[in-house]
């Protein structure tokens, strides 16, 4: 039996994913980062509505776990009230010089 399995989902604030410890959301701020005061307030929201741990993923998203359906909605409302605009879909990062060299290999 293969221990690896794909879930076929990219959890987002608008589409939480069920995990072993409740629902999980990932946030990727449109601005690419958050001011320290917003990061603190987001962490406080994670503590109120989830398991209190905010993780940074390999692709630079913020991940909050341990949510219920209701607490995920409340977290989303708080993120909106904080004015944090989040990207949707899978984040794709490229180098700042990508596309400049006409002979580069993709």
PDB file of N, CA and C in Angstrom:
ATOM      1  N   UNK A   1       0.833  -1.180   0.000  1.00  0.00           N
ATOM      2  CA  UNK A   1       0.000   0.000   0.000  1.00  0.00           C
ATOM      3  C   UNK A   1       0.876   1.241   0.000  1.00  0.00           C
ATOM      4  N   UNK A   2       0.521   2.220  -0.773  1.00  0.00           N
ATOM      5  CA  UNK A   2       1.270   3.462  -0.857  1.00  0.00           C
ATOM      6  C   UNK A   2       0.807   4.419   0.236  1.00  0.00           C
ATOM      7  N   UNK A   3       1.751   4.894   1.066  1.00  0.00           N
ATOM      8  CA  UNK A   3       1.401   5.793   2.164  1.00  0.00           C
ATOM      9  C   UNK A   3       1.109   7.205   1.667  1.00  0.00           C
ATOM     10  N   UNK A   4       1.566   7.544   0.469  1.00  0.00           N
ATOM     11  CA  UNK A   4       1.355   8.881  -0.073  1.00  0.00           C
ATOM     12  C   UNK A   4      -0.012   8.956  -0.731  1.00  0.00           C
ATOM     13  N   UNK A   5      -0.734  10.010  -0.439  1.00  0.00           N
ATOM     14  CA  UNK A   5      -2.004  10.218  -1.130  1.00  0.00           C
ATOM     15  C   UNK A   5      -2.185  11.705  -1.388  1.00  0.00           C
ATOM     16  N   UNK A   6      -2.792  12.036  -2.492  1.00  0.00           N
ATOM     17  CA  UNK A   6      -3.081  13.424  -2.834  1.00  0.00           C
ATOM     18  C   UNK A   6      -4.504  13.727  -2.427  1.00  0.00           C
ATOM     19  N   UNK A   7      -4.687  14.856  -1.838  1.00  0.00           N
ATOM     20  CA  UNK A   7      -6.026  15.246  -1.416  1.00  0.00           C
ATOM     21  C   UNK A   7      -6.784  15.962  -2.523  1.00  0.00           C
ATOM     22  N   UNK A   8      -6.067  16.465  -3.506  1.00  0.00           N
ATOM     23  CA  UNK A   8      -6.739  17.128  -4.616  1.00  0.00           C
ATOM     24  C   UNK A   8      -7.375  18.450  -4.233  1.00  0.00           C
ATOM     25  N   UNK A   9      -6.830  19.105  -3.211  1.00  0.00           N
ATOM     26  CA  UNK A   9      -7.413  20.365  -2.767  1.00  0.00           C
ATOM     27  C   UNK A   9      -6.319  21.324  -2.348  1.00  0.00           C
ATOM     28  N   UNK A  10      -6.607  22.588  -2.505  1.00  0.00           N
ATOM     29  CA  UNK A  10      -5.713  23.633  -2.020  1.00  0.00           C
ATOM     30  C   UNK A  10      -6.535  24.454  -1.036  1.00  0.00           C
ATOM     31  N   UNK A  11      -6.373  24.203   0.255  1.00  0.00           N
ATOM     32  CA  UNK A  11      -7.222  24.882   1.237  1.00  0.00           C
ATOM     33  C   UNK A  11      -7.012  26.392   1.216  1.00  0.00           C
ATOM     34  N   UNK A  12      -8.098  27.113   1.227  1.00  0.00           N
ATOM     35  CA  UNK A  12      -8.042  28.572   1.225  1.00  0.00           C
ATOM     36  C   UNK A  12      -8.964  29.091   2.315  1.00  0.00           C
ATOM     37  N   UNK A  13      -8.898  30.367   2.566  1.00  0.00           N
ATOM     38  CA  UNK A  13      -9.772  30.970   3.560  1.00  0.00           C
ATOM     39  C   UNK A  13     -11.232  30.765   3.171  1.00  0.00           C
ATOM     40  N   UNK A  14     -11.514  30.815   1.876  1.00  0.00           N
ATOM     41  CA  UNK A  14     -12.885  30.629   1.395  1.00  0.00           C
ATOM     42  C   UNK A  14     -13.265  29.162   1.216  1.00  0.00           C
ATOM     43  N   UNK A  15     -12.290  28.259   1.296  1.00  0.00           N
ATOM     44  CA  UNK A  15     -12.543  26.828   1.097  1.00  0.00           C
ATOM     45  C   UNK A  15     -11.654  26.010   2.028  1.00  0.00           C
ATOM     46  N   UNK A  16     -12.007  25.954   3.330  1.00  0.00           N
ATOM     47  CA  UNK A  16     -11.195  25.182   4.282  1.00  0.00           C
ATOM     48  C   UNK A  16     -11.170  23.701   3.917  1.00  0.00           C
ATOM     49  N   UNK A  17     -10.101  23.017   4.319  1.00  0.00           N
ATOM     50  CA  UNK A  17      -9.958  21.588   4.062  1.00  0.00           C
ATOM     51  C   UNK A  17     -10.034  20.824   5.380  1.00  0.00           C
ATOM     52  N   UNK A  18     -10.773  19.731   5.372  1.00  0.00           N
ATOM     53  CA  UNK A  18     -10.887  18.884   6.555  1.00  0.00           C
ATOM     54  C   UNK A  18      -9.588  18.115   6.758  1.00  0.00           C
ATOM     55  N   UNK A  19      -9.063  18.155   7.975  1.00  0.00           N
ATOM     56  CA  UNK A  19      -7.863  17.401   8.336  1.00  0.00           C
ATOM     57  C   UNK A  19      -8.160  16.637   9.619  1.00  0.00           C
ATOM     58  N   UNK A  20      -7.183  15.942  10.134  1.00  0.00           N
ATOM     59  CA  UNK A  20      -7.376  15.156  11.345  1.00  0.00           C
ATOM     60  C   UNK A  20      -7.661  15.982  12.582  1.00  0.00           C
ATOM     61  N   UNK A  21      -7.276  17.254  12.570  1.00  0.00           N
ATOM     62  CA  UNK A  21      -7.498  18.104  13.746  1.00  0.00           C
ATOM     63  C   UNK A  21      -8.502  19.224  13.467  1.00  0.00           C
ATOM     64  N   UNK A  22      -9.392  19.004  12.538  1.00  0.00           N
ATOM     65  CA  UNK A  22     -10.399  20.007  12.199  1.00  0.00           C
ATOM     66  C   UNK A  22     -10.138  20.582  10.823  1.00  0.00           C
ATOM     67  N   UNK A  23     -10.682  21.746  10.576  1.00  0.00           N
ATOM     68  CA  UNK A  23     -10.490  22.395   9.284  1.00  0.00           C
ATOM     69  C   UNK A  23      -9.183  23.177   9.266  1.00  0.00           C
ATOM     70  N   UNK A  24      -8.618  23.311   8.076  1.00  0.00           N
ATOM     71  CA  UNK A  24      -7.377  24.053   7.889  1.00  0.00           C
ATOM     72  C   UNK A  24      -7.583  25.053   6.756  1.00  0.00           C
ATOM     73  N   UNK A  25      -7.035  26.261   6.939  1.00  0.00           N
ATOM     74  CA  UNK A  25      -7.052  27.263   5.879  1.00  0.00           C
ATOM     75  C   UNK A  25      -5.629  27.729   5.608  1.00  0.00           C
ATOM     76  N   UNK A  26      -5.399  28.184   4.391  1.00  0.00           N
ATOM     77  CA  UNK A  26      -4.125  28.814   4.031  1.00  0.00           C
ATOM     78  C   UNK A  26      -4.432  30.194   3.485  1.00  0.00           C
ATOM     79  N   UNK A  27      -3.622  31.149   3.915  1.00  0.00           N
ATOM     80  CA  UNK A  27      -3.766  32.527   3.457  1.00  0.00           C
ATOM     81  C   UNK A  27      -2.478  32.953   2.789  1.00  0.00           C
ATOM     82  N   UNK A  28      -2.616  33.580   1.651  1.00  0.00           N
ATOM     83  CA  UNK A  28      -1.467  34.129   0.954  1.00  0.00           C
ATOM     84  C   UNK A  28      -1.796  35.590   0.673  1.00  0.00           C
ATOM     85  N   UNK A  29      -1.292  36.519   1.500  1.00  0.00           N
ATOM     86  CA  UNK A  29      -1.630  37.930   1.321  1.00  0.00           C
ATOM     87  C   UNK A  29      -1.218  38.456  -0.054  1.00  0.00           C
ATOM     88  N   UNK A  30      -2.100  39.231  -0.667  1.00  0.00           N
ATOM     89  CA  UNK A  30      -1.839  39.815  -1.981  1.00  0.00           C
ATOM     90  C   UNK A  30      -0.586  40.678  -1.944  1.00  0.00           C
ATOM     91  N   UNK A  31      -0.359  41.364  -0.836  1.00  0.00           N
ATOM     92  CA  UNK A  31       0.791  42.259  -0.723  1.00  0.00           C
ATOM     93  C   UNK A  31       2.105  41.505  -0.598  1.00  0.00           C
ATOM     94  N   UNK A  32       2.043  40.199  -0.374  1.00  0.00           N
ATOM     95  CA  UNK A  32       3.258  39.399  -0.230  1.00  0.00           C
ATOM     96  C   UNK A  32       3.793  39.365   1.186  1.00  0.00           C
ATOM     97  N   UNK A  33       3.236  40.135   2.062  1.00  0.00           N
ATOM     98  CA  UNK A  33       3.673  40.157   3.457  1.00  0.00           C
ATOM     99  C   UNK A  33       2.677  40.922   4.303  1.00  0.00           C
ATOM    100  N   UNK A  34       2.898  40.893   5.604  1.00  0.00           N
ATOM    101  CA  UNK A  34       2.016  41.596   6.534  1.00  0.00           C
ATOM    102  C   UNK A  34       2.844  42.456   7.466  1.00  0.00           C
ATOM    103  N   UNK A  35       2.320  43.609   7.807  1.00  0.00           N
ATOM    104  CA  UNK A  35       2.954  44.452   8.816  1.00  0.00           C
ATOM    105  C   UNK A  35       2.919  43.702  10.148  1.00  0.00           C
ATOM    106  N   UNK A  36       3.889  43.935  11.023  1.00  0.00           N
ATOM    107  CA  UNK A  36       3.939  43.219  12.305  1.00  0.00           C
ATOM    108  C   UNK A  36       2.640  43.293  13.107  1.00  0.00           C
ATOM    109  N   UNK A  37       1.991  44.458  13.137  1.00  0.00           N
ATOM    110  CA  UNK A  37       0.746  44.573  13.903  1.00  0.00           C
ATOM    111  C   UNK A  37      -0.360  43.701  13.314  1.00  0.00           C
ATOM    112  N   UNK A  38      -0.413  43.564  11.987  1.00  0.00           N
ATOM    113  CA  UNK A  38      -1.413  42.689  11.366  1.00  0.00           C
ATOM    114  C   UNK A  38      -1.096  41.222  11.624  1.00  0.00           C
ATOM    115  N   UNK A  39       0.172  40.881  11.617  1.00  0.00           N
ATOM    116  CA  UNK A  39       0.577  39.504  11.899  1.00  0.00           C
ATOM    117  C   UNK A  39       0.195  39.123  13.328  1.00  0.00           C
ATOM    118  N   UNK A  40       0.387  40.047  14.259  1.00  0.00           N
ATOM    119  CA  UNK A  40       0.000  39.804  15.658  1.00  0.00           C
ATOM    120  C   UNK A  40      -1.505  39.612  15.759  1.00  0.00           C
ATOM    121  N   UNK A  41      -2.263  40.474  15.109  1.00  0.00           N
ATOM    122  CA  UNK A  41      -3.726  40.371  15.189  1.00  0.00           C
ATOM    123  C   UNK A  41      -4.237  39.105  14.508  1.00  0.00           C
ATOM    124  N   UNK A  42      -3.594  38.695  13.429  1.00  0.00           N
ATOM    125  CA  UNK A  42      -3.967  37.446  12.773  1.00  0.00           C
ATOM    126  C   UNK A  42      -3.656  36.264  13.684  1.00  0.00           C
ATOM    127  N   UNK A  43      -2.520  36.310  14.373  1.00  0.00           N
ATOM    128  CA  UNK A  43      -2.183  35.265  15.341  1.00  0.00           C
ATOM    129  C   UNK A  43      -3.193  35.195  16.476  1.00  0.00           C
ATOM    130  N   UNK A  44      -3.676  36.338  16.922  1.00  0.00           N
ATOM    131  CA  UNK A  44      -4.712  36.360  17.965  1.00  0.00           C
ATOM    132  C   UNK A  44      -6.002  35.731  17.457  1.00  0.00           C
ATOM    133  N   UNK A  45      -6.334  35.969  16.191  1.00  0.00           N
ATOM    134  CA  UNK A  45      -7.510  35.336  15.585  1.00  0.00           C
ATOM    135  C   UNK A  45      -7.328  33.825  15.501  1.00  0.00           C
ATOM    136  N   UNK A  46      -6.109  33.389  15.159  1.00  0.00           N
ATOM    137  CA  UNK A  46      -5.819  31.950  15.103  1.00  0.00           C
ATOM    138  C   UNK A  46      -5.985  31.325  16.482  1.00  0.00           C
ATOM    139  N   UNK A  47      -5.608  32.045  17.510  1.00  0.00           N
ATOM    140  CA  UNK A  47      -5.756  31.557  18.885  1.00  0.00           C
ATOM    141  C   UNK A  47      -7.227  31.480  19.277  1.00  0.00           C
ATOM    142  N   UNK A  48      -8.009  32.481  18.892  1.00  0.00           N
ATOM    143  CA  UNK A  48      -9.439  32.500  19.228  1.00  0.00           C
ATOM    144  C   UNK A  48     -10.223  31.429  18.491  1.00  0.00           C
ATOM    145  N   UNK A  49      -9.899  31.205  17.224  1.00  0.00           N
ATOM    146  CA  UNK A  49     -10.757  30.370  16.381  1.00  0.00           C
ATOM    147  C   UNK A  49     -10.178  29.009  16.013  1.00  0.00           C
ATOM    148  N   UNK A  50      -8.868  28.838  16.121  1.00  0.00           N
ATOM    149  CA  UNK A  50      -8.240  27.566  15.754  1.00  0.00           C
ATOM    150  C   UNK A  50      -7.438  27.007  16.904  1.00  0.00           C
ATOM    151  N   UNK A  51      -6.374  26.283  16.573  1.00  0.00           N
ATOM    152  CA  UNK A  51      -5.542  25.696  17.627  1.00  0.00           C
ATOM    153  C   UNK A  51      -4.495  26.674  18.154  1.00  0.00           C
ATOM    154  N   UNK A  52      -4.466  27.894  17.601  1.00  0.00           N
ATOM    155  CA  UNK A  52      -3.556  28.920  18.096  1.00  0.00           C
ATOM    156  C   UNK A  52      -2.192  28.916  17.452  1.00  0.00           C
ATOM    157  N   UNK A  53      -1.953  27.981  16.544  1.00  0.00           N
ATOM    158  CA  UNK A  53      -0.653  27.907  15.875  1.00  0.00           C
ATOM    159  C   UNK A  53      -0.827  28.386  14.440  1.00  0.00           C
ATOM    160  N   UNK A  54       0.032  29.316  14.044  1.00  0.00           N
ATOM    161  CA  UNK A  54       0.048  29.790  12.672  1.00  0.00           C
ATOM    162  C   UNK A  54       1.376  29.344  12.070  1.00  0.00           C
ATOM    163  N   UNK A  55       1.300  28.596  10.967  1.00  0.00           N
ATOM    164  CA  UNK A  55       2.501  28.048  10.344  1.00  0.00           C
ATOM    165  C   UNK A  55       2.762  28.740   9.010  1.00  0.00           C
ATOM    166  N   UNK A  56       4.025  28.782   8.616  1.00  0.00           N
ATOM    167  CA  UNK A  56       4.400  29.268   7.290  1.00  0.00           C
ATOM    168  C   UNK A  56       4.702  28.040   6.441  1.00  0.00           C
ATOM    169  N   UNK A  57       4.027  27.913   5.310  1.00  0.00           N
ATOM    170  CA  UNK A  57       4.210  26.746   4.450  1.00  0.00           C
ATOM    171  C   UNK A  57       5.449  26.906   3.577  1.00  0.00           C
ATOM    172  N   UNK A  58       5.792  25.842   2.873  1.00  0.00           N
ATOM    173  CA  UNK A  58       6.957  25.857   1.982  1.00  0.00           C
ATOM    174  C   UNK A  58       6.812  26.895   0.872  1.00  0.00           C
ATOM    175  N   UNK A  59       5.583  27.220   0.500  1.00  0.00           N
ATOM    176  CA  UNK A  59       5.350  28.219  -0.552  1.00  0.00           C
ATOM    177  C   UNK A  59       5.071  29.609   0.015  1.00  0.00           C
ATOM    178  N   UNK A  60       5.261  29.777   1.304  1.00  0.00           N
ATOM    179  CA  UNK A  60       5.133  31.096   1.907  1.00  0.00           C
ATOM    180  C   UNK A  60       3.738  31.504   2.322  1.00  0.00           C
ATOM    181  N   UNK A  61       2.793  30.579   2.305  1.00  0.00           N
ATOM    182  CA  UNK A  61       1.447  30.885   2.781  1.00  0.00           C
ATOM    183  C   UNK A  61       1.405  30.758   4.296  1.00  0.00           C
ATOM    184  N   UNK A  62       0.408  31.383   4.905  1.00  0.00           N
ATOM    185  CA  UNK A  62       0.169  31.207   6.336  1.00  0.00           C
ATOM    186  C   UNK A  62      -0.923  30.163   6.489  1.00  0.00           C
ATOM    187  N   UNK A  63      -0.720  29.227   7.398  1.00  0.00           N
ATOM    188  CA  UNK A  63      -1.631  28.105   7.576  1.00  0.00           C
ATOM    189  C   UNK A  63      -2.163  28.118   8.996  1.00  0.00           C
ATOM    190  N   UNK A  64      -3.486  28.007   9.129  1.00  0.00           N
ATOM    191  CA  UNK A  64      -4.141  27.962  10.436  1.00  0.00           C
ATOM    192  C   UNK A  64      -4.979  26.697  10.482  1.00  0.00           C
ATOM    193  N   UNK A  65      -4.793  25.922  11.544  1.00  0.00           N
ATOM    194  CA  UNK A  65      -5.457  24.621  11.679  1.00  0.00           C
ATOM    195  C   UNK A  65      -6.383  24.619  12.892  1.00  0.00           C
ATOM    196  N   UNK A  66      -7.127  23.521  13.027  1.00  0.00           N
ATOM    197  CA  UNK A  66      -7.960  23.304  14.206  1.00  0.00           C
ATOM    198  C   UNK A  66      -9.233  24.124  14.219  1.00  0.00           C
ATOM    199  N   UNK A  67      -9.729  24.472  13.053  1.00  0.00           N
ATOM    200  CA  UNK A  67     -10.943  25.282  12.949  1.00  0.00           C
ATOM    201  C   UNK A  67     -12.180  24.401  12.842  1.00  0.00           C
ATOM    202  N   UNK A  68     -13.314  24.936  13.250  1.00  0.00           N
ATOM    203  CA  UNK A  68     -14.609  24.316  12.977  1.00  0.00           C
ATOM    204  C   UNK A  68     -15.236  25.093  11.824  1.00  0.00           C
ATOM    205  N   UNK A  69     -16.355  24.620  11.312  1.00  0.00           N
ATOM    206  CA  UNK A  69     -17.014  25.335  10.215  1.00  0.00           C
ATOM    207  C   UNK A  69     -17.377  26.755  10.653  1.00  0.00           C
ATOM    208  N   UNK A  70     -17.913  26.896  11.851  1.00  0.00           N
ATOM    209  CA  UNK A  70     -18.300  28.216  12.357  1.00  0.00           C
ATOM    210  C   UNK A  70     -17.083  29.091  12.626  1.00  0.00           C
ATOM    211  N   UNK A  71     -16.051  28.529  13.254  1.00  0.00           N
ATOM    212  CA  UNK A  71     -14.876  29.349  13.568  1.00  0.00           C
ATOM    213  C   UNK A  71     -14.120  29.747  12.300  1.00  0.00           C
ATOM    214  N   UNK A  72     -14.193  28.926  11.249  1.00  0.00           N
ATOM    215  CA  UNK A  72     -13.562  29.290   9.975  1.00  0.00           C
ATOM    216  C   UNK A  72     -14.258  30.505   9.375  1.00  0.00           C
ATOM    217  N   UNK A  73     -15.589  30.550   9.485  1.00  0.00           N
ATOM    218  CA  UNK A  73     -16.334  31.717   9.000  1.00  0.00           C
ATOM    219  C   UNK A  73     -15.982  32.961   9.808  1.00  0.00           C
ATOM    220  N   UNK A  74     -15.857  32.795  11.123  1.00  0.00           N
ATOM    221  CA  UNK A  74     -15.510  33.925  11.985  1.00  0.00           C
ATOM    222  C   UNK A  74     -14.094  34.421  11.691  1.00  0.00           C
ATOM    223  N   UNK A  75     -13.165  33.492  11.465  1.00  0.00           N
ATOM    224  CA  UNK A  75     -11.795  33.863  11.113  1.00  0.00           C
ATOM    225  C   UNK A  75     -11.782  34.644   9.801  1.00  0.00           C
ATOM    226  N   UNK A  76     -12.525  34.171   8.804  1.00  0.00           N
ATOM    227  CA  UNK A  76     -12.587  34.858   7.511  1.00  0.00           C
ATOM    228  C   UNK A  76     -13.130  36.277   7.675  1.00  0.00           C
ATOM    229  N   UNK A  77     -14.137  36.437   8.532  1.00  0.00           N
ATOM    230  CA  UNK A  77     -14.703  37.769   8.778  1.00  0.00           C
ATOM    231  C   UNK A  77     -13.670  38.680   9.437  1.00  0.00           C
ATOM    232  N   UNK A  78     -12.889  38.137  10.370  1.00  0.00           N
ATOM    233  CA  UNK A  78     -11.863  38.936  11.040  1.00  0.00           C
ATOM    234  C   UNK A  78     -10.736  39.316  10.076  1.00  0.00           C
ATOM    235  N   UNK A  79     -10.341  38.393   9.219  1.00  0.00           N
ATOM    236  CA  UNK A  79      -9.304  38.690   8.221  1.00  0.00           C
ATOM    237  C   UNK A  79      -9.790  39.823   7.315  1.00  0.00           C
ATOM    238  N   UNK A  80     -11.052  39.757   6.920  1.00  0.00           N
ATOM    239  CA  UNK A  80     -11.630  40.809   6.089  1.00  0.00           C
ATOM    240  C   UNK A  80     -11.662  42.140   6.843  1.00  0.00           C
ATOM    241  N   UNK A  81     -12.059  42.112   8.116  1.00  0.00           N
ATOM    242  CA  UNK A  81     -12.116  43.331   8.930  1.00  0.00           C
ATOM    243  C   UNK A  81     -10.727  43.946   9.128  1.00  0.00           C
ATOM    244  N   UNK A  82      -9.696  43.113   9.144  1.00  0.00           N
ATOM    245  CA  UNK A  82      -8.327  43.608   9.274  1.00  0.00           C
ATOM    246  C   UNK A  82      -7.821  44.237   7.970  1.00  0.00           C
ATOM    247  N   UNK A  83      -8.571  44.024   6.891  1.00  0.00           N
ATOM    248  CA  UNK A  83      -8.168  44.579   5.602  1.00  0.00           C
ATOM    249  C   UNK A  83      -7.099  43.764   4.902  1.00  0.00           C
ATOM    250  N   UNK A  84      -6.958  42.498   5.299  1.00  0.00           N
ATOM    251  CA  UNK A  84      -5.968  41.623   4.666  1.00  0.00           C
ATOM    252  C   UNK A  84      -6.606  41.000   3.427  1.00  0.00           C
ATOM    253  N   UNK A  85      -6.104  41.371   2.268  1.00  0.00           N
ATOM    254  CA  UNK A  85      -6.603  40.804   1.019  1.00  0.00           C
ATOM    255  C   UNK A  85      -5.774  39.568   0.697  1.00  0.00           C
ATOM    256  N   UNK A  86      -6.448  38.435   0.442  1.00  0.00           N
ATOM    257  CA  UNK A  86      -5.726  37.183   0.200  1.00  0.00           C
ATOM    258  C   UNK A  86      -5.910  36.723  -1.241  1.00  0.00           C
ATOM    259  N   UNK A  87      -4.860  36.088  -1.756  1.00  0.00           N
ATOM    260  CA  UNK A  87      -4.902  35.505  -3.098  1.00  0.00           C
ATOM    261  C   UNK A  87      -5.741  34.238  -3.060  1.00  0.00           C
ATOM    262  N   UNK A  88      -6.258  33.877  -4.216  1.00  0.00           N
ATOM    263  CA  UNK A  88      -6.961  32.605  -4.339  1.00  0.00           C
ATOM    264  C   UNK A  88      -6.182  31.729  -5.308  1.00  0.00           C
ATOM    265  N   UNK A  89      -6.355  30.426  -5.198  1.00  0.00           N
ATOM    266  CA  UNK A  89      -5.643  29.498  -6.066  1.00  0.00           C
ATOM    267  C   UNK A  89      -4.260  29.166  -5.535  1.00  0.00           C
ATOM    268  N   UNK A  90      -3.550  28.370  -6.293  1.00  0.00           N
ATOM    269  CA  UNK A  90      -2.213  27.932  -5.904  1.00  0.00           C
ATOM    270  C   UNK A  90      -1.219  29.062  -6.162  1.00  0.00           C
ATOM    271  N   UNK A  91      -0.441  29.449  -5.136  1.00  0.00           N
ATOM    272  CA  UNK A  91       0.535  30.518  -5.369  1.00  0.00           C
ATOM    273  C   UNK A  91       1.674  30.041  -6.265  1.00  0.00           C
ATOM    274  N   UNK A  92       1.984  30.832  -7.268  1.00  0.00           N
ATOM    275  CA  UNK A  92       3.088  30.527  -8.172  1.00  0.00           C
ATOM    276  C   UNK A  92       4.074  31.681  -8.071  1.00  0.00           C
ATOM    277  N   UNK A  93       5.273  31.380  -7.641  1.00  0.00           N
ATOM    278  CA  UNK A  93       6.296  32.410  -7.473  1.00  0.00           C
ATOM    279  C   UNK A  93       7.304  32.311  -8.608  1.00  0.00           C
ATOM    280  N   UNK A  94       7.739  33.444  -9.096  1.00  0.00           N
ATOM    281  CA  UNK A  94       8.771  33.484 -10.126  1.00  0.00           C
ATOM    282  C   UNK A  94       9.876  34.431  -9.688  1.00  0.00           C
ATOM    283  N   UNK A  95      11.040  34.241 -10.248  1.00  0.00           N
ATOM    284  CA  UNK A  95      12.162  35.109  -9.935  1.00  0.00           C
ATOM    285  C   UNK A  95      11.935  36.514 -10.479  1.00  0.00           C
ATOM    286  N   UNK A  96      12.528  37.520  -9.853  1.00  0.00           N
ATOM    287  CA  UNK A  96      12.309  38.899 -10.290  1.00  0.00           C
ATOM    288  C   UNK A  96      12.874  39.206 -11.678  1.00  0.00           C
ATOM    289  N   UNK A  97      13.788  38.383 -12.162  1.00  0.00           N
ATOM    290  CA  UNK A  97      14.379  38.610 -13.481  1.00  0.00           C
ATOM    291  C   UNK A  97      13.826  37.672 -14.551  1.00  0.00           C
ATOM    292  N   UNK A  98      12.831  36.873 -14.206  1.00  0.00           N
ATOM    293  CA  UNK A  98      12.261  35.925 -15.161  1.00  0.00           C
ATOM    294  C   UNK A  98      11.682  36.665 -16.360  1.00  0.00           C
ATOM    295  N   UNK A  99      11.958  36.147 -17.540  1.00  0.00           N
ATOM    296  CA  UNK A  99      11.411  36.706 -18.760  1.00  0.00           C
ATOM    297  C   UNK A  99      12.249  37.798 -19.401  1.00  0.00           C
ATOM    298  N   UNK A 100      13.355  38.167 -18.780  1.00  0.00           N
ATOM    299  CA  UNK A 100      14.196  39.234 -19.336  1.00  0.00           C
ATOM    300  C   UNK A 100      15.121  38.705 -20.429  1.00  0.00           C
ATOM    301  N   UNK A 101      15.723  37.535 -20.198  1.00  0.00           N
ATOM    302  CA  UNK A 101      16.661  36.953 -21.163  1.00  0.00           C
ATOM    303  C   UNK A 101      15.868  36.209 -22.243  1.00  0.00           C
ATOM    304  N   UNK A 102      15.948  36.625 -23.511  1.00  0.00           N
ATOM    305  CA  UNK A 102      15.177  35.958 -24.557  1.00  0.00           C
ATOM    306  C   UNK A 102      15.625  34.516 -24.813  1.00  0.00           C
ATOM    307  N   UNK A 103      16.797  34.118 -24.310  1.00  0.00           N
ATOM    308  CA  UNK A 103      17.284  32.758 -24.525  1.00  0.00           C
ATOM    309  C   UNK A 103      17.161  31.881 -23.281  1.00  0.00           C
ATOM    310  N   UNK A 104      16.480  32.378 -22.260  1.00  0.00           N
ATOM    311  CA  UNK A 104      16.362  31.581 -21.039  1.00  0.00           C
ATOM    312  C   UNK A 104      15.517  30.339 -21.280  1.00  0.00           C
ATOM    313  N   UNK A 105      15.766  29.323 -20.493  1.00  0.00           N
ATOM    314  CA  UNK A 105      15.007  28.087 -20.559  1.00  0.00           C
ATOM    315  C   UNK A 105      13.991  28.119 -19.429  1.00  0.00           C
ATOM    316  N   UNK A 106      12.745  27.889 -19.765  1.00  0.00           N
ATOM    317  CA  UNK A 106      11.677  27.952 -18.767  1.00  0.00           C
ATOM    318  C   UNK A 106      11.769  26.824 -17.779  1.00  0.00           C
TER     319      UNK A 106
END
